Structures are given as structure tokens and as C-alpha cells.
């Protein structure tokens, strides 16, 4: 083969593989995902009353004392999926130690005598984790129940209902999706204004 033939073959291979793997394959996979798993393919978006309120996959801040709060976020300006990532602060970093100490003190004042779950004071690797542990949800029950003027056992029942077990009974840890739990709270026990 001469240089010209090699150039023609290389160009054809480039065009064919670009069209096949850069256009056709992504369109087929996207189409199949839309047909078979539309909720997951579209980011598991949650709407209420025709209004988009969030995604089950991305954490968001809840500052009102009548809501369950997620893990702290180190993503961008907080829960910014475009800036997902941890803080990269090591366990001996003074800023991290002070932030955790401040958070622990605030949480102990909110629920004296109860041990503070670690996920309420540490950010996840992504900074936008939508879930908390059942222990973190349980820790917040007294505050949420008090703010909503609801018996604690009613809020605990709701937490138990929204607690997901291990995947296939083996993988991961039990978790509670904060957005879904807070939406259920609003439906069943609306805040009194």
C-alpha cells in the first residue's frame, strides 16, 4: 500500500468509527434508556403540582427547623451539582476540625444527650449526597416533630416508611432520601404558619 491508499483507509476508518461510536451508539443507548427507564434516564426529577422541586439523586439544602436536613455539602456554594466534589480537607486540617466542632455543638444543643451521627457533620465525597443514615434521621425527629406540632412517633413512622434497606439485602447501607422524606412530611403534616 502506498501513502495515498493508507490515507484513504485511515480517513474512512475515522469517519466510520466517528459516526458509529460518536453518533449512532449514543443515540441508540439514549433511546433505549428513554424507553426502558425514563425516570432514571431523566435524572429522577420530582415534581409537585406541576413544579419541579428537585431530584432524588441530588441533595439540596433545607434550613427550616421543620424539615430534615441533609449532610453538609462541600460542593461549590453548597449542593451545587455543577461543582460536585469533596473539600479535600484532611482530618488534621484546622478549618475542617473547627467546622465539625461548630456543627457538633449546634446539633448537641438541638438534641441534648443524643449522640450526633457522623453523617450530619461530614460531607460526602460528591458534596451532593441526597441521603442520610436512619440514625441521622432519627436524631432529627424531636426537632421536626416539635416544629410541626406532631407526635414524635408519627414522624418516626414516616422515617421508617422512607428508609431504604441495603440493595439486594447486601450492598450499601440503609438510607433515607431527605427530599422524599420532607415532601412526605409536607403532605401528611404541613407546617402551620
Foldseek 3Di string as FASTA:
>chain_A
DDPVVVVVVVVVVVVVCCCVVVPVVVVVVLVVCCVPPVCVSVQVWDDDPNHTDGHLAFADADDDLLAQGFFFFPFDVASDQVRWFAPPDDPPHPVLVVQLVVQQVVLCVVQPPDDADPRNRGADGGRTGQKDALSSQLSSLVSNCVQLVHDSVVLNVLSVVQWDQAVVNDHDHIIGGRVVSRVVCCVPRNGDD
